[in-house]
Protein backbone atom coordinates (compact mmCIF):
# COMPACT_ATOMS: atom_id res chain seq x y z
CA UNK A 1 91.12 109.28 225.46
CA UNK A 2 92.46 111.94 227.75
CA UNK A 3 91.63 115.65 228.72
CA UNK A 4 88.14 116.12 227.12
CA UNK A 5 87.31 119.01 229.56
CA UNK A 6 85.65 122.11 228.41
CA UNK A 7 84.69 125.48 229.66
CA UNK A 8 81.32 124.10 230.82
CA UNK A 9 82.83 121.12 232.99
CA UNK A 10 80.33 119.93 235.63
CA UNK A 11 80.90 118.95 239.34
CA UNK A 12 81.98 115.41 238.29
CA UNK A 13 84.99 116.83 236.30
CA UNK A 14 88.45 116.56 237.70
CA UNK A 15 90.87 119.68 238.04
CA UNK A 16 92.30 120.32 234.57
CA UNK A 17 95.79 120.15 236.01
CA UNK A 18 95.32 116.97 237.95
CA UNK A 19 96.36 113.55 236.32
CA UNK A 20 93.40 112.01 235.01
CA UNK A 21 94.49 108.42 235.40
CA UNK A 22 93.78 105.28 233.52
CA UNK A 23 90.72 102.77 233.18
CA UNK A 24 91.81 99.35 231.75
CA UNK A 25 89.20 96.83 230.72
CA UNK A 26 90.92 93.49 231.07
CA UNK A 27 89.11 90.81 228.89
CA UNK A 28 89.76 87.11 228.92
CA UNK A 29 88.69 84.29 226.62
CA UNK A 30 86.47 81.64 228.16
CA UNK A 31 88.02 79.22 225.71
CA UNK A 32 91.47 79.50 227.51
CA UNK A 33 92.01 77.98 231.00
CA UNK A 34 91.48 80.41 233.77
CA UNK A 35 94.83 81.74 235.31
CA UNK A 36 96.59 81.59 231.94
CA UNK A 37 97.00 85.17 231.32
CA UNK A 38 99.51 87.33 229.26
CA UNK A 39 102.56 88.83 230.99
CA UNK A 40 101.29 92.39 230.27
CA UNK A 41 98.01 91.38 232.07
CA UNK A 42 99.86 90.16 235.09
CA UNK A 43 102.00 93.24 235.26
CA UNK A 44 98.95 95.38 235.02
CA UNK A 45 97.11 93.60 237.81
CA UNK A 46 100.05 93.89 240.16
CA UNK A 47 100.66 97.55 239.45
CA UNK A 48 97.08 98.73 239.52
CA UNK A 49 95.40 100.85 242.25
CA UNK A 50 92.27 99.06 242.23
CA UNK A 51 90.93 95.92 240.57
CA UNK A 52 87.13 95.69 240.11
CA UNK A 53 84.85 92.86 239.14
CA UNK A 54 81.14 92.73 239.41
CA UNK A 55 80.90 88.93 239.30
CA UNK A 56 82.03 87.09 242.37
CA UNK A 57 81.94 83.97 240.49
CA UNK A 58 84.37 85.17 237.66
CA UNK A 59 86.56 82.16 236.73
CA UNK A 60 89.80 84.15 237.08
CA UNK A 61 89.27 85.20 240.70
CA UNK A 62 90.82 82.13 242.32
CA UNK A 63 94.01 82.76 240.44
CA UNK A 64 94.13 86.31 241.19
CA UNK A 65 93.77 85.60 244.77
CA UNK A 66 96.50 83.06 244.78
CA UNK A 67 98.85 85.73 243.06
CA UNK A 68 98.08 88.04 245.89
CA UNK A 69 95.86 90.39 243.90
CA UNK A 70 92.90 92.09 245.97
CA UNK A 71 89.72 92.33 243.91
CA UNK A 72 86.74 94.30 245.03
CA UNK A 73 83.39 93.26 244.09
CA UNK A 74 81.85 96.49 242.53
CA UNK A 75 79.92 97.43 239.62
CA UNK A 76 80.45 101.29 239.45
CA UNK A 77 78.82 103.38 236.60
CA UNK A 78 80.95 105.53 234.18
CA UNK A 79 80.93 108.61 236.49
CA UNK A 80 82.01 106.70 239.68
CA UNK A 81 84.70 105.00 237.65
CA UNK A 82 86.18 108.04 236.30
CA UNK A 83 86.16 109.74 239.78
CA UNK A 84 87.98 106.63 241.05
CA UNK A 85 90.94 107.51 238.71
CA UNK A 86 91.27 110.96 240.13
CA UNK A 87 94.99 111.74 240.97
CA UNK A 88 96.28 109.53 238.41
CA UNK A 89 95.25 106.08 239.67
CA UNK A 90 94.76 103.04 237.54
CA UNK A 91 91.79 101.01 237.73
CA UNK A 92 91.27 97.75 236.12
CA UNK A 93 87.75 96.33 235.43
CA UNK A 94 87.26 92.53 234.75
CA UNK A 95 84.22 92.32 232.82
CA UNK A 96 82.05 89.20 232.72
CA UNK A 97 81.83 86.81 229.94
CA UNK A 98 79.35 88.89 228.07
CA UNK A 99 81.10 92.08 228.68
CA UNK A 100 79.54 95.19 230.43
CA UNK A 101 77.69 97.19 227.76
CA UNK A 102 76.15 99.52 230.39
CA UNK A 103 79.69 100.66 231.70
CA UNK A 104 81.12 100.97 228.14
CA UNK A 105 78.33 102.91 226.84
CA UNK A 106 78.44 105.30 229.76
CA UNK A 107 82.12 106.04 229.21
CA UNK A 108 81.51 106.50 225.62
CA UNK A 109 78.91 109.13 226.36
CA UNK A 110 81.00 110.90 228.85
CA UNK A 111 83.98 110.91 226.42
CA UNK A 112 81.80 112.34 223.85
CA UNK A 113 80.22 115.12 226.00
CA UNK A 114 83.45 117.18 226.23
CA UNK A 115 82.27 118.17 229.86
CA UNK A 116 84.49 115.64 231.76
CA UNK A 117 88.26 115.24 231.89
CA UNK A 118 88.51 111.62 230.97
CA UNK A 119 90.92 109.09 232.08
CA UNK A 120 92.95 107.16 229.48
CA UNK A 121 90.64 104.19 228.43
CA UNK A 122 92.38 101.03 227.20
CA UNK A 123 91.15 97.63 226.21
CA UNK A 124 93.79 94.98 227.21
CA UNK A 125 93.07 91.25 226.12
CA UNK A 126 94.38 89.09 229.00
CA UNK A 127 94.23 85.87 226.84
CA UNK A 128 93.53 85.33 223.18
CA UNK A 129 91.67 82.65 221.30
CA UNK A 130 94.01 80.31 219.38
CA UNK A 131 92.94 79.11 215.81
CA UNK A 132 90.27 76.51 216.05
CA UNK A 133 88.96 78.04 219.42
CA UNK A 134 85.46 78.22 218.27
CA UNK A 135 85.40 74.47 217.97
CA UNK A 136 85.30 74.23 221.78
CA UNK A 137 82.01 76.33 221.58
CA UNK A 138 80.61 73.86 219.06
CA UNK A 139 81.41 70.99 221.33
CA UNK A 140 79.72 72.72 224.39
CA UNK A 141 76.54 73.74 222.29
CA UNK A 142 76.40 70.11 220.82
CA UNK A 143 76.56 68.71 224.34
CA UNK A 144 73.73 70.96 225.60
CA UNK A 145 71.51 70.26 222.59
CA UNK A 146 72.11 66.46 222.87
CA UNK A 147 70.77 66.69 226.64
CA UNK A 148 67.91 69.08 226.15
CA UNK A 149 66.56 68.80 222.67
CA UNK A 150 63.75 66.16 222.42
CA UNK A 151 64.79 65.29 218.76
CA UNK A 152 68.42 65.47 219.02
CA UNK A 153 68.50 63.43 222.42
CA UNK A 154 66.93 60.44 220.65
CA UNK A 155 69.19 60.16 217.64
CA UNK A 156 71.49 57.37 217.00
CA UNK A 157 74.39 56.48 214.60
CA UNK A 158 72.22 54.44 212.39
CA UNK A 159 69.28 57.02 212.25
CA UNK A 160 71.83 59.89 211.25
CA UNK A 161 73.62 57.94 208.70
CA UNK A 162 71.50 59.20 205.88
CA UNK A 163 72.15 62.77 206.89
CA UNK A 164 76.05 62.26 206.50
CA UNK A 165 75.49 61.22 202.88
CA UNK A 166 73.11 64.05 202.11
CA UNK A 167 75.27 66.69 203.66
CA UNK A 168 78.42 65.35 201.80
CA UNK A 169 76.52 65.68 198.43
CA UNK A 170 75.43 69.25 199.18
CA UNK A 171 78.96 70.06 200.17
CA UNK A 172 80.19 68.82 196.80
CA UNK A 173 77.38 70.83 195.03
CA UNK A 174 78.57 74.02 196.87
CA UNK A 175 82.15 73.33 195.69
CA UNK A 176 81.06 72.85 192.11
CA UNK A 177 78.86 76.11 192.28
CA UNK A 178 81.78 77.98 193.31
CA UNK A 179 79.53 79.68 195.98
CA UNK A 180 81.82 80.60 198.96
CA UNK A 181 79.07 81.48 201.43
CA UNK A 182 77.25 78.20 200.50
CA UNK A 183 80.68 76.33 200.92
CA UNK A 184 81.12 77.69 204.33
CA UNK A 185 77.69 76.67 205.34
CA UNK A 186 77.88 73.15 204.03
CA UNK A 187 81.36 72.62 205.57
CA UNK A 188 79.62 73.53 208.72
CA UNK A 189 76.88 70.96 208.12
CA UNK A 190 79.42 68.23 207.55
CA UNK A 191 81.36 69.16 210.76
CA UNK A 192 78.06 68.95 212.63
CA UNK A 193 77.56 65.39 211.47
CA UNK A 194 81.22 64.60 213.00
CA UNK A 195 80.57 66.40 216.38
CA UNK A 196 77.08 64.78 216.62
CA UNK A 197 78.24 61.23 216.15
CA UNK A 198 81.12 61.74 218.58
CA UNK A 199 78.72 63.13 221.26
CA UNK A 200 76.51 60.07 220.66
CA UNK A 201 79.53 57.83 221.03
CA UNK A 202 80.23 59.35 224.47
CA UNK A 203 77.14 57.45 225.78
CA UNK A 204 76.76 53.68 226.79
CA UNK A 205 75.38 51.64 224.07
CA UNK A 206 77.03 51.25 220.75
CA UNK A 207 74.25 53.17 218.93
CA UNK A 208 73.44 55.88 221.41
CA UNK A 209 70.68 53.86 223.06
CA UNK A 210 71.39 53.03 226.67
CA UNK A 211 71.86 49.35 227.21
CA UNK A 212 72.12 48.44 223.40
CA UNK A 213 74.72 45.92 222.69
CA UNK A 214 77.71 46.95 220.66
CA UNK A 215 78.52 45.13 217.43
CA UNK A 216 80.72 42.67 219.26
CA UNK A 217 77.70 41.48 221.53
CA UNK A 218 79.20 43.15 224.73
CA UNK A 219 76.44 44.92 226.80
CA UNK A 220 77.88 48.33 225.67
CA UNK A 221 80.37 49.36 223.04
CA UNK A 222 83.49 51.23 224.21
CA UNK A 223 82.62 54.97 224.44
CA UNK A 224 84.70 57.55 222.93
CA UNK A 225 84.56 61.45 222.65
CA UNK A 226 85.44 64.18 219.99
CA UNK A 227 88.90 64.50 221.66
CA UNK A 228 89.56 60.71 221.03
CA UNK A 229 88.43 61.35 217.24
CA UNK A 230 90.57 64.38 216.82
CA UNK A 231 93.53 62.77 218.66
CA UNK A 232 93.37 59.58 216.47
CA UNK A 233 93.19 61.90 213.37
CA UNK A 234 96.26 63.89 214.60
CA UNK A 235 98.25 60.79 215.08
CA UNK A 236 97.22 59.49 211.56
CA UNK A 237 98.23 62.67 209.70
CA UNK A 238 101.63 62.82 211.35
CA UNK A 239 102.27 59.10 210.90
CA UNK A 240 101.18 59.38 207.08
CA UNK A 241 103.23 62.52 206.48
CA UNK A 242 106.74 61.32 207.30
CA UNK A 243 108.05 63.84 204.61
CA UNK A 244 106.60 66.69 206.95
CA UNK A 245 107.03 65.46 210.28
CA UNK A 246 109.95 63.06 209.75
CA UNK A 247 113.19 62.42 207.63
CA UNK A 248 111.38 60.85 204.56
CA UNK A 249 111.57 62.69 201.18
CA UNK A 250 108.68 63.53 198.94
CA UNK A 251 109.29 65.77 195.85
CA UNK A 252 106.04 65.22 194.12
CA UNK A 253 102.46 64.51 194.76
CA UNK A 254 102.92 61.07 193.42
CA UNK A 255 105.69 60.49 196.23
CA UNK A 256 103.21 61.58 198.82
CA UNK A 257 100.58 59.35 197.52
CA UNK A 258 103.11 56.44 197.63
CA UNK A 259 104.08 57.16 201.14
CA UNK A 260 100.35 57.37 201.95
CA UNK A 261 99.51 53.94 200.46
CA UNK A 262 102.36 52.08 201.89
CA UNK A 263 101.66 53.50 205.35
CA UNK A 264 98.10 52.53 205.19
CA UNK A 265 98.89 48.97 203.94
CA UNK A 266 101.07 48.53 206.99
CA UNK A 267 98.48 50.07 209.44
CA UNK A 268 95.50 48.11 208.05
CA UNK A 269 97.26 44.90 207.52
CA UNK A 270 95.55 44.68 204.18
CA UNK A 271 96.02 41.60 201.98
CA UNK A 272 94.75 43.24 198.82
CA UNK A 273 94.85 46.74 197.30
CA UNK A 274 90.98 46.60 197.20
CA UNK A 275 90.62 46.24 200.90
CA UNK A 276 88.90 49.03 202.54
CA UNK A 277 87.19 50.39 199.24
CA UNK A 278 83.48 50.86 200.18
CA UNK A 279 81.56 49.04 197.45
CA UNK A 280 78.40 50.85 198.27
CA UNK A 281 79.68 54.18 196.91
CA UNK A 282 78.39 55.27 193.42
CA UNK A 283 79.32 53.09 190.53
CA UNK A 284 81.60 55.50 188.64
CA UNK A 285 83.35 56.36 191.73
CA UNK A 286 83.95 52.73 192.72
CA UNK A 287 85.29 51.85 189.31
CA UNK A 288 87.79 54.63 189.32
CA UNK A 289 89.01 53.91 192.84
CA UNK A 290 89.39 50.20 192.03
CA UNK A 291 91.50 51.24 188.95
CA UNK A 292 93.50 53.76 190.88
CA UNK A 293 94.41 51.17 193.54
CA UNK A 294 95.45 48.75 190.91
CA UNK A 295 97.57 51.14 189.12
CA UNK A 296 99.37 52.63 192.12
CA UNK A 297 99.74 49.22 193.73
CA UNK A 298 101.38 47.89 190.61
CA UNK A 299 98.90 45.10 190.16
CA UNK A 300 98.92 44.12 186.41
CA UNK A 301 95.40 43.28 185.59
CA UNK A 302 93.30 43.58 182.32
CA UNK A 303 89.85 45.24 182.69
CA UNK A 304 87.32 42.56 182.46
CA UNK A 305 85.45 42.38 179.08
CA UNK A 306 81.75 41.74 178.74
CA UNK A 307 78.66 42.85 176.90
CA UNK A 308 76.68 45.80 178.01
CA UNK A 309 76.93 49.41 179.03
CA UNK A 310 78.33 48.55 182.42
CA UNK A 311 81.71 47.16 181.01
CA UNK A 312 81.83 50.47 178.75
CA UNK A 313 81.55 52.70 181.68
CA UNK A 314 84.14 50.71 183.63
CA UNK A 315 86.43 51.22 180.77
CA UNK A 316 85.79 55.00 180.56
CA UNK A 317 86.01 55.28 184.42
CA UNK A 318 89.49 53.56 184.43
CA UNK A 319 90.58 55.85 181.53
CA UNK A 320 89.53 58.81 183.35
CA UNK A 321 91.38 57.87 186.58
CA UNK A 322 94.57 57.07 184.49
CA UNK A 323 94.30 60.56 183.00
CA UNK A 324 93.86 62.16 186.42
CA UNK A 325 90.11 63.02 186.02
CA UNK A 326 87.57 62.13 188.47
CA UNK A 327 84.73 60.55 186.42
CA UNK A 328 82.02 61.45 188.95
CA UNK A 329 82.87 65.13 188.83
CA UNK A 330 83.05 64.93 185.05
CA UNK A 331 79.77 63.24 184.71
CA UNK A 332 77.99 65.63 187.14
CA UNK A 333 79.33 68.49 185.22
CA UNK A 334 78.02 67.17 181.82
CA UNK A 335 74.81 66.46 183.74
CA UNK A 336 74.40 69.80 184.95
CA UNK A 337 75.07 71.34 181.52
CA UNK A 338 72.36 68.81 180.32
CA UNK A 339 69.98 70.07 183.05
CA UNK A 340 70.55 73.78 181.88
CA UNK A 341 69.89 72.72 178.19
CA UNK A 342 66.60 71.15 179.16
CA UNK A 343 65.57 74.19 181.16
CA UNK A 344 66.55 76.47 178.32
CA UNK A 345 64.43 74.45 175.89
CA UNK A 346 61.53 74.88 178.39
CA UNK A 347 62.11 78.69 178.31
CA UNK A 348 63.38 78.60 181.82
CA UNK A 349 66.24 80.48 183.41
CA UNK A 350 69.19 78.59 184.93
CA UNK A 351 68.90 77.65 188.63
CA UNK A 352 69.90 80.51 190.80
CA UNK A 353 69.19 83.33 188.52
């Protein structure tokens, strides 16, 4: 905003014919390593007439000093900052992590008054958040909550296990409901479980309790962090997608699945296609998973025959899997329709209405 002077200009106004200068608020992201600034930011800092910072502990200061940039520790108000630009000078302000609401509000009032010849006002991001940057905030917040919250600080992997199952089911419900706001929230709750368990795993003791022996009987299980979890996942995704990160070819989803299963078999050194299938999962899902592994693994085996509803459900689950239908999802959809019919018979509206 430039040249907002008027006939009633006060004593703080610069001469109408004098260059009004330039105020630049240089912002940086605390999620990017200090000293890693954009080239326009470095050019601006070297060319500026003055660089101001109210916080002597600002994380960028050691790197600016190393680059030969002089920084004055000042916290001017809006009037003083405008006057500092008189004669066409460029003043750069390094706000703190929370910004400087007092200064920006004051500049906005001056600009809107029409009584002051305003310098050009610019906001220059010196560093930008990359996609996923807020995950760094999540890790920091989780670390503090783990240290300071009386409930969180006492939780263990075993104690939290039930919440992982509960949150997974709530996520599935949000997906089936088609509620985008609910989906976003439930994804966050599932992510919390991952970050929570990873934070516990950083501590001595295999289950988050100091001194507790690990599963192998050692005094303490090997610690790992969220970076280890993410690193292992990245390695797995790259290794299991040779058609994306390597020279392998995959033209169809079936090709991709075959790549995935072959790679897993080598990685896990499995003897049977059934290895690694958790038998504690819901029955229909277990039956469909077994049928799918046998089918994709090329194992020719007849479904066991017997009396009772269990064998009939097994046959239905295998048939659904072969047709590309998830029997758990299909049964839940039918059950939800049944629930709505019951409520209608009771004279009640459907849930959520």
